[in-house]
């Protein structure tokens, strides 16, 4: 490696020990303006000069040039060492002149390119997944398999992101070791560093003021404090969990979304307070591999409560449930019924019983679809929505200002 003279303050103090971090999985998360990306870009540059081959990825290829690529070029210029590299802007590759090691870039939306990427010399030793919350668990697992082959360097998979929600695969995969009162935790294979704007001495006073004066609760929690919150592009924010008293007002509603092997069957019992636009969700069923006979047995305690409104795409299942004594009826889907239903639900106040954890997880994760550039579309994603669909079905009559089947809460034994 060429001899490079570096000042002791060329990166923020909190990151300096991580220049030589050798954990297999390295997590750098926290708030906006904390210097995560600048540090990792700088480390990539120095690692390449020491012989490491790094693949830098984001979910969408188009976002790489304006983010990681630019940060790495700026890191070279800050260190005054751009001349030590051959830079190919067309192919988006950077090669160290002293040893042939490379920095390579790819978007996860270009599967074939990911499969074919290999450094011109030696094995891939590092992967940096920027904005990892945008990426899928399967992408991470497939990329992890790419870190193989002979090398004198230990293999490392680095993930950087602003936290979103605790049901995200990143939290489930890595944060068992995390302690909320720490800024750093580690195991034999995993290290986690949390940083915020307070750790970045290079921010201006205006930068700090903008973060400290953030008025939106979600943005303050995630981007100012660097804490796990709700999804940034989440569809529903109009809900909360609390104990629901027995004497709540409203009319009983029930909805059912069919499923079997890969997808669960989802059922909701709720009450709708039409006057105050409040939805009280009392019970949920969320089960896989149920036959219609099994499902009928689970629904029987609710059968006296009125109609159970179901997905009209399964008329055979509806007929079988009716034959088994369950008052199952198909909803009347119309054009854009999903978007119409979602927009109507967004105008209500949704109160969940603590007995409904799966619906809570769906409300946390349910997001708008995105185009190839990452921009949000006016269509919800068709996943993580089985109980949300059941809620739409249950309230279809209310959305269309028609009276639906009703029954008292007492008749359901609640």
Protein backbone atom coordinates (compact mmCIF):
# COMPACT_ATOMS: atom_id res chain seq x y z
CA UNK A 1 0.00 0.00 0.00
CA UNK A 2 1.34 3.45 -0.85
CA UNK A 3 2.41 5.57 2.09
CA UNK A 4 -0.35 8.11 2.72
CA UNK A 5 -0.08 10.84 5.33
CA UNK A 6 -3.41 11.18 7.14
CA UNK A 7 -4.34 13.70 9.80
CA UNK A 8 -5.82 12.20 12.94
CA UNK A 9 -9.07 14.10 12.37
CA UNK A 10 -9.68 13.10 8.74
CA UNK A 11 -12.77 11.15 9.87
CA UNK A 12 -15.01 11.54 12.89
CA UNK A 13 -13.55 10.07 16.07
CA UNK A 14 -16.35 7.54 16.60
CA UNK A 15 -15.52 5.81 13.30
CA UNK A 16 -11.74 5.65 13.63
CA UNK A 17 -11.63 2.21 15.35
CA UNK A 18 -13.75 0.81 12.52
CA UNK A 19 -11.15 1.43 9.84
CA UNK A 20 -9.77 -1.97 10.82
CA UNK A 21 -13.03 -3.65 11.87
CA UNK A 22 -12.84 -7.33 10.85
CA UNK A 23 -16.32 -8.61 11.81
CA UNK A 24 -18.01 -10.60 9.07
CA UNK A 25 -21.21 -8.53 9.33
CA UNK A 26 -20.90 -4.83 10.11
CA UNK A 27 -23.94 -2.63 10.77
CA UNK A 28 -23.67 1.16 10.66
CA UNK A 29 -27.04 2.74 11.38
CA UNK A 30 -28.53 5.83 12.95
CA UNK A 31 -29.72 9.30 12.11
CA UNK A 32 -29.24 11.57 9.13
CA UNK A 33 -26.06 13.62 8.95
CA UNK A 34 -24.11 11.22 11.15
CA UNK A 35 -21.34 10.70 8.58
CA UNK A 36 -21.95 6.95 7.99
CA UNK A 37 -21.70 7.09 4.21
CA UNK A 38 -18.72 9.47 4.21
CA UNK A 39 -16.81 7.17 6.57
CA UNK A 40 -17.60 4.02 4.60
CA UNK A 41 -16.67 5.69 1.31
CA UNK A 42 -13.34 6.74 2.82
CA UNK A 43 -12.72 3.26 4.17
CA UNK A 44 -13.49 1.75 0.76
CA UNK A 45 -10.83 3.91 -0.85
CA UNK A 46 -8.17 2.93 1.69
CA UNK A 47 -9.22 -0.74 1.57
CA UNK A 48 -8.79 -0.83 -2.20
CA UNK A 49 -5.23 0.42 -1.87
CA UNK A 50 -4.58 -2.40 0.61
CA UNK A 51 -5.81 -5.03 -1.87
CA UNK A 52 -9.48 -5.45 -0.97
CA UNK A 53 -12.07 -5.89 -3.74
CA UNK A 54 -15.39 -4.27 -2.82
CA UNK A 55 -18.82 -4.49 -4.42
CA UNK A 56 -21.01 -1.47 -3.59
CA UNK A 57 -24.74 -2.02 -4.03
CA UNK A 58 -28.04 -0.20 -3.66
CA UNK A 59 -31.54 -1.34 -4.45
CA UNK A 60 -31.77 0.73 -7.65
CA UNK A 61 -28.75 1.09 -9.94
CA UNK A 62 -29.59 4.67 -10.97
CA UNK A 63 -29.17 5.91 -7.40
CA UNK A 64 -25.58 4.66 -7.10
CA UNK A 65 -23.89 7.35 -9.21
CA UNK A 66 -25.42 10.23 -7.25
CA UNK A 67 -24.72 8.62 -3.87
CA UNK A 68 -21.97 6.05 -3.21
CA UNK A 69 -19.99 6.71 -6.38
CA UNK A 70 -19.85 10.45 -5.72
CA UNK A 71 -18.97 9.93 -2.04
CA UNK A 72 -16.06 7.68 -2.99
CA UNK A 73 -14.74 10.15 -5.57
CA UNK A 74 -14.99 12.95 -2.99
CA UNK A 75 -13.16 10.78 -0.44
CA UNK A 76 -10.26 10.37 -2.90
CA UNK A 77 -10.13 14.11 -3.42
CA UNK A 78 -10.23 14.88 0.31
CA UNK A 79 -7.28 12.53 0.81
CA UNK A 80 -5.55 13.92 -2.30
CA UNK A 81 -5.04 10.46 -3.83
CA UNK A 82 -7.25 10.35 -6.93
CA UNK A 83 -4.14 9.85 -9.07
CA UNK A 84 -3.60 6.45 -7.40
CA UNK A 85 -6.69 5.06 -9.16
CA UNK A 86 -7.96 4.36 -12.66
CA UNK A 87 -11.59 5.53 -12.81
CA UNK A 88 -13.96 4.14 -15.43
CA UNK A 89 -17.10 6.28 -15.30
CA UNK A 90 -18.89 4.31 -18.02
CA UNK A 91 -18.57 0.92 -16.34
CA UNK A 92 -18.56 2.46 -12.87
CA UNK A 93 -15.42 0.72 -11.71
CA UNK A 94 -12.41 2.07 -9.82
CA UNK A 95 -9.07 0.24 -9.88
CA UNK A 96 -6.08 0.81 -7.63
CA UNK A 97 -2.94 1.32 -9.74
CA UNK A 98 -0.65 -0.25 -7.13
CA UNK A 99 -2.31 -3.69 -6.88
CA UNK A 100 -5.23 -3.99 -9.33
CA UNK A 101 -7.84 -4.24 -6.58
CA UNK A 102 -11.23 -2.81 -7.52
CA UNK A 103 -14.31 -0.99 -6.37
CA UNK A 104 -17.32 -2.26 -8.35
CA UNK A 105 -20.89 -0.93 -8.35
CA UNK A 106 -24.24 -2.56 -9.10
CA UNK A 107 -27.95 -2.11 -8.46
CA UNK A 108 -30.01 -4.97 -7.13
CA UNK A 109 -32.56 -4.30 -9.89
CA UNK A 110 -29.99 -5.65 -12.39
CA UNK A 111 -29.88 -9.31 -11.37
CA UNK A 112 -27.81 -10.52 -14.31
CA UNK A 113 -25.10 -7.93 -13.69
CA UNK A 114 -24.88 -8.93 -10.03
CA UNK A 115 -24.46 -12.58 -11.03
CA UNK A 116 -21.65 -11.81 -13.46
CA UNK A 117 -19.66 -9.28 -11.43
CA UNK A 118 -16.20 -10.40 -10.44
CA UNK A 119 -13.03 -8.41 -9.78
CA UNK A 120 -10.26 -8.59 -12.37
CA UNK A 121 -7.79 -9.80 -9.75
CA UNK A 122 -8.40 -12.01 -6.74
CA UNK A 123 -11.68 -12.66 -4.93
CA UNK A 124 -14.44 -10.35 -3.79
CA UNK A 125 -13.63 -9.55 -0.16
CA UNK A 126 -16.18 -6.88 0.74
CA UNK A 127 -19.77 -5.89 0.02
CA UNK A 128 -21.18 -2.54 1.09
CA UNK A 129 -25.00 -2.40 0.95
CA UNK A 130 -26.00 1.26 1.25
CA UNK A 131 -29.59 2.15 2.29
CA UNK A 132 -30.03 -1.49 3.24
CA UNK A 133 -33.61 -0.95 4.42
CA UNK A 134 -34.58 -0.59 0.75
CA UNK A 135 -33.28 -4.09 0.01
CA UNK A 136 -34.87 -7.51 0.46
CA UNK A 137 -33.66 -10.30 2.72
CA UNK A 138 -33.22 -12.59 -0.30
CA UNK A 139 -30.90 -10.01 -1.89
CA UNK A 140 -28.76 -10.01 1.23
CA UNK A 141 -28.61 -13.81 1.34
CA UNK A 142 -27.66 -14.11 -2.33
CA UNK A 143 -24.98 -11.43 -2.01
CA UNK A 144 -23.58 -13.06 1.11
CA UNK A 145 -22.87 -16.18 -0.96
CA UNK A 146 -20.72 -14.07 -3.29
CA UNK A 147 -18.16 -13.50 -0.53
CA UNK A 148 -16.12 -16.60 -1.24
CA UNK A 149 -12.75 -17.56 -2.69
CA UNK A 150 -9.14 -17.46 -1.57
CA UNK A 151 -7.89 -14.19 -0.12
CA UNK A 152 -5.47 -13.00 2.52
CA UNK A 153 -8.23 -10.62 3.71
CA UNK A 154 -11.17 -11.61 5.91
CA UNK A 155 -14.54 -11.32 4.16
CA UNK A 156 -16.83 -8.51 5.31
CA UNK A 157 -20.45 -7.56 4.57
CA UNK A 158 -21.21 -3.96 5.56
CA UNK A 159 -24.76 -2.61 5.79
CA UNK A 160 -25.60 1.07 6.34
CA UNK A 161 -29.04 2.63 6.79
CA UNK A 162 -31.40 4.86 8.72
CA UNK A 163 -33.58 2.60 10.89
CA UNK A 164 -37.21 2.07 9.93
CA UNK A 165 -39.35 -0.50 11.75
CA UNK A 166 -38.45 -3.35 14.10
CA UNK A 167 -40.22 -5.97 12.01
CA UNK A 168 -37.78 -5.30 9.16
CA UNK A 169 -35.52 -8.26 8.30
CA UNK A 170 -32.44 -6.23 9.29
CA UNK A 171 -33.66 -5.98 12.86
CA UNK A 172 -34.67 -9.65 13.01
CA UNK A 173 -31.41 -10.81 11.42
CA UNK A 174 -28.86 -8.82 13.41
CA UNK A 175 -30.25 -6.95 16.40
CA UNK A 176 -30.62 -9.77 18.92
CA UNK A 177 -27.39 -8.49 20.48
CA UNK A 178 -28.46 -4.84 20.50
CA UNK A 179 -28.82 -2.91 23.76
CA UNK A 180 -30.75 0.34 23.53
CA UNK A 181 -28.53 2.18 26.02
CA UNK A 182 -25.36 1.49 23.98
CA UNK A 183 -23.95 2.98 20.82
CA UNK A 184 -21.86 -0.10 20.00
CA UNK A 185 -22.45 -3.84 20.41
CA UNK A 186 -20.63 -6.85 19.01
CA UNK A 187 -20.60 -10.63 18.88
CA UNK A 188 -18.10 -13.00 17.27
CA UNK A 189 -19.45 -12.27 13.79
CA UNK A 190 -21.53 -9.08 14.06
CA UNK A 191 -20.74 -5.49 15.04
CA UNK A 192 -23.33 -2.72 15.30
CA UNK A 193 -22.51 0.98 15.57
CA UNK A 194 -25.23 3.61 16.06
CA UNK A 195 -24.43 7.24 15.28
CA UNK A 196 -26.37 10.50 15.05
CA UNK A 197 -25.66 14.05 13.91
CA UNK A 198 -24.05 14.67 17.30
CA UNK A 199 -21.18 12.37 16.26
CA UNK A 200 -20.40 14.40 13.15
CA UNK A 201 -18.18 17.37 13.88
CA UNK A 202 -18.21 18.41 10.21
CA UNK A 203 -21.87 19.51 10.22
CA UNK A 204 -22.64 23.20 10.03
CA UNK A 205 -24.75 24.99 12.62
CA UNK A 206 -27.58 25.19 10.09
CA UNK A 207 -27.39 21.43 9.49
CA UNK A 208 -27.69 20.76 13.20
CA UNK A 209 -30.53 23.23 13.66
CA UNK A 210 -32.54 21.65 10.84
CA UNK A 211 -32.30 18.22 12.49
CA UNK A 212 -32.94 19.48 16.01
CA UNK A 213 -35.98 21.51 14.95
CA UNK A 214 -37.63 18.72 12.95
CA UNK A 215 -41.37 18.91 13.70
CA UNK A 216 -42.56 15.62 12.21
CA UNK A 217 -42.49 12.94 14.96
CA UNK A 218 -41.47 10.13 12.61
CA UNK A 219 -38.66 12.08 10.97
CA UNK A 220 -37.40 13.30 14.36
CA UNK A 221 -37.38 9.77 15.77
CA UNK A 222 -35.58 8.20 12.82
CA UNK A 223 -33.49 10.92 11.21
CA UNK A 224 -32.64 13.09 14.22
CA UNK A 225 -32.42 10.50 17.00
CA UNK A 226 -31.50 7.50 14.82
CA UNK A 227 -34.08 5.28 16.51
CA UNK A 228 -36.19 2.50 15.06
CA UNK A 229 -39.61 3.83 14.11
CA UNK A 230 -42.20 3.24 11.43
CA UNK A 231 -41.55 2.89 7.71
CA UNK A 232 -40.82 6.19 6.02
CA UNK A 233 -43.21 5.54 3.13
CA UNK A 234 -45.74 3.66 5.21
CA UNK A 235 -49.38 3.98 4.10
CA UNK A 236 -51.06 3.93 7.50
CA UNK A 237 -50.05 6.24 10.32
CA UNK A 238 -53.58 6.73 11.70
CA UNK A 239 -53.52 3.84 14.18
CA UNK A 240 -52.53 2.98 17.71
CA UNK A 241 -52.64 0.03 20.10
CA UNK A 242 -54.55 0.26 23.35
CA UNK A 243 -56.86 -1.74 25.60
CA UNK A 244 -60.40 -1.51 24.23
CA UNK A 245 -63.22 -1.31 26.80
CA UNK A 246 -66.31 -3.49 26.58
CA UNK A 247 -68.69 -0.56 26.10
CA UNK A 248 -67.21 0.92 22.93
CA UNK A 249 -69.79 2.38 20.53
CA UNK A 250 -70.36 1.17 17.01
CA UNK A 251 -71.52 -1.77 14.95
CA UNK A 252 -69.87 -5.17 14.55
CA UNK A 253 -68.03 -5.92 11.32
CA UNK A 254 -66.11 -9.04 10.25
CA UNK A 255 -63.83 -9.69 7.28
CA UNK A 256 -61.96 -12.70 5.94
CA UNK A 257 -59.06 -13.02 3.50
CA UNK A 258 -58.41 -16.57 2.30
CA UNK A 259 -55.01 -18.25 2.34
CA UNK A 260 -53.50 -21.69 2.72
CA UNK A 261 -49.83 -22.69 2.34
CA UNK A 262 -47.63 -19.70 1.45
CA UNK A 263 -50.17 -17.07 2.52
CA UNK A 264 -52.03 -17.09 5.84
CA UNK A 265 -55.77 -16.89 6.22
CA UNK A 266 -56.69 -13.63 7.92
CA UNK A 267 -59.88 -12.83 9.85
CA UNK A 268 -60.78 -9.68 11.79
CA UNK A 269 -63.57 -8.88 14.22
CA UNK A 270 -64.08 -5.16 14.71
CA UNK A 271 -66.57 -2.48 15.59
CA UNK A 272 -67.09 0.66 13.54
CA UNK A 273 -68.13 3.94 15.15
CA UNK A 274 -69.56 5.67 12.11
CA UNK A 275 -70.24 8.99 13.84
CA UNK A 276 -66.65 9.45 15.02
CA UNK A 277 -64.94 7.59 12.15
CA UNK A 278 -63.29 5.12 14.52
CA UNK A 279 -62.45 1.47 13.82
CA UNK A 280 -61.92 -0.72 16.89
CA UNK A 281 -60.17 -4.00 15.99
CA UNK A 282 -61.03 -6.56 18.68
CA UNK A 283 -59.81 -9.97 17.49
CA UNK A 284 -57.70 -11.50 14.73
CA UNK A 285 -57.11 -14.96 13.32
CA UNK A 286 -53.92 -15.47 11.33
CA UNK A 287 -53.22 -19.08 10.36
CA UNK A 288 -51.65 -21.06 7.52
CA UNK A 289 -52.59 -24.48 6.13
CA UNK A 290 -56.21 -24.36 7.30
CA UNK A 291 -58.75 -26.44 5.43
CA UNK A 292 -62.15 -24.85 5.07
CA UNK A 293 -63.42 -27.30 7.70
CA UNK A 294 -60.72 -26.16 10.15
CA UNK A 295 -61.43 -22.53 9.30
CA UNK A 296 -65.16 -23.01 9.89
CA UNK A 297 -64.45 -24.38 13.38
CA UNK A 298 -62.34 -21.33 14.23
CA UNK A 299 -65.00 -18.95 12.90
CA UNK A 300 -67.95 -20.67 14.57
CA UNK A 301 -67.74 -18.59 17.79
CA UNK A 302 -68.30 -15.50 15.66
CA UNK A 303 -71.00 -16.91 13.37
CA UNK A 304 -73.89 -15.48 15.39
CA UNK A 305 -72.54 -11.98 14.97
CA UNK A 306 -73.69 -11.44 11.40
CA UNK A 307 -72.11 -11.59 7.97
CA UNK A 308 -68.44 -12.40 7.47
CA UNK A 309 -67.41 -10.58 4.28
CA UNK A 310 -64.86 -12.49 2.20
CA UNK A 311 -62.65 -12.17 -0.83
CA UNK A 312 -64.91 -12.77 -3.83
CA UNK A 313 -62.05 -14.50 -5.69
CA UNK A 314 -62.80 -17.76 -3.84
CA UNK A 315 -66.50 -18.61 -4.43
CA UNK A 316 -65.87 -22.32 -3.76
CA UNK A 317 -64.45 -21.63 -0.29
CA UNK A 318 -67.33 -19.26 0.47
CA UNK A 319 -69.83 -21.95 -0.55
CA UNK A 320 -68.10 -24.54 1.62
CA UNK A 321 -68.11 -22.24 4.64
CA UNK A 322 -71.82 -21.53 4.11
CA UNK A 323 -72.49 -25.27 3.99
CA UNK A 324 -70.67 -25.59 7.33
CA UNK A 325 -72.90 -22.98 8.95
CA UNK A 326 -70.68 -19.91 8.62
CA UNK A 327 -72.42 -16.74 7.27
CA UNK A 328 -69.77 -16.07 4.63
CA UNK A 329 -70.57 -13.59 1.84
CA UNK A 330 -68.50 -12.26 -1.04
CA UNK A 331 -67.61 -8.60 -1.22
CA UNK A 332 -68.53 -6.71 -4.36
CA UNK A 333 -65.23 -5.52 -5.74
CA UNK A 334 -65.31 -2.66 -8.18
CA UNK A 335 -62.74 -0.76 -10.25
CA UNK A 336 -59.79 0.39 -8.10
CA UNK A 337 -61.42 -1.16 -5.05
CA UNK A 338 -58.08 -1.70 -3.29
CA UNK A 339 -56.95 1.92 -3.65
CA UNK A 340 -60.42 3.21 -2.81
CA UNK A 341 -60.54 1.03 0.31
CA UNK A 342 -57.06 2.02 1.44
CA UNK A 343 -57.76 5.72 1.01
CA UNK A 344 -61.01 5.37 2.96
CA UNK A 345 -59.25 3.54 5.80
CA UNK A 346 -56.63 6.30 5.92
CA UNK A 347 -59.44 8.75 6.80
CA UNK A 348 -60.51 6.73 9.85
CA UNK A 349 -58.97 6.37 13.30
CA UNK A 350 -57.88 2.77 13.83
CA UNK A 351 -57.54 1.44 17.37
CA UNK A 352 -56.05 -2.04 17.77
CA UNK A 353 -56.45 -4.36 20.71
CA UNK A 354 -53.14 -5.82 21.97
CA UNK A 355 -54.66 -9.14 20.85
CA UNK A 356 -53.96 -8.17 17.22
CA UNK A 357 -50.15 -8.32 16.80
CA UNK A 358 -50.19 -9.52 13.18
CA UNK A 359 -52.38 -6.64 12.04
CA UNK A 360 -50.01 -4.27 13.85
CA UNK A 361 -47.07 -5.72 11.90
CA UNK A 362 -48.95 -5.31 8.61
CA UNK A 363 -49.83 -1.68 9.34
CA UNK A 364 -46.18 -1.00 10.14
CA UNK A 365 -44.93 -2.59 6.90
CA UNK A 366 -47.62 -1.70 4.36
CA UNK A 367 -46.13 0.69 1.79
CA UNK A 368 -46.75 2.21 -1.62
CA UNK A 369 -45.27 0.52 -4.68
CA UNK A 370 -42.21 2.16 -6.20
CA UNK A 371 -41.06 2.55 -9.79
CA UNK A 372 -37.58 1.64 -11.02
CA UNK A 373 -36.18 4.97 -9.88
CA UNK A 374 -37.49 4.47 -6.35
CA UNK A 375 -40.35 6.99 -6.62
CA UNK A 376 -43.62 6.07 -4.89
CA UNK A 377 -46.64 5.13 -6.99
CA UNK A 378 -50.29 5.53 -6.03
CA UNK A 379 -50.70 1.77 -5.66
CA UNK A 380 -50.16 -0.20 -2.45
CA UNK A 381 -47.75 -3.13 -2.48
CA UNK A 382 -49.56 -6.46 -2.76
CA UNK A 383 -47.87 -8.09 0.22
CA UNK A 384 -48.00 -7.97 4.01
CA UNK A 385 -51.68 -7.13 3.69
CA UNK A 386 -53.82 -10.20 4.52
CA UNK A 387 -55.44 -8.67 7.59
CA UNK A 388 -55.57 -5.23 5.98
CA UNK A 389 -57.53 -6.83 3.14
CA UNK A 390 -59.82 -8.47 5.72
CA UNK A 391 -60.40 -5.02 7.24
CA UNK A 392 -61.28 -3.59 3.83
CA UNK A 393 -63.74 -6.41 3.20
CA UNK A 394 -65.35 -6.01 6.62
CA UNK A 395 -66.01 -2.32 6.02
CA UNK A 396 -66.94 -2.45 2.34
CA UNK A 397 -70.57 -1.52 3.05
CA UNK A 398 -69.54 1.47 5.15
CA UNK A 399 -67.20 2.71 2.44
CA UNK A 400 -70.06 2.67 -0.03
CA UNK A 401 -72.45 4.28 2.50
CA UNK A 402 -74.62 1.16 2.61
CA UNK A 403 -75.85 -0.41 5.80
CA UNK A 404 -73.99 -3.63 6.51
CA UNK A 405 -74.93 -6.64 8.64
CA UNK A 406 -74.74 -5.75 12.32
CA UNK A 407 -75.05 -7.42 15.67
CA UNK A 408 -74.34 -6.44 19.23
CA UNK A 409 -71.01 -7.11 20.92
CA UNK A 410 -72.79 -9.06 23.69
CA UNK A 411 -74.06 -11.61 21.19
CA UNK A 412 -70.44 -12.44 20.36
CA UNK A 413 -69.61 -13.11 23.99
CA UNK A 414 -67.34 -10.08 24.27
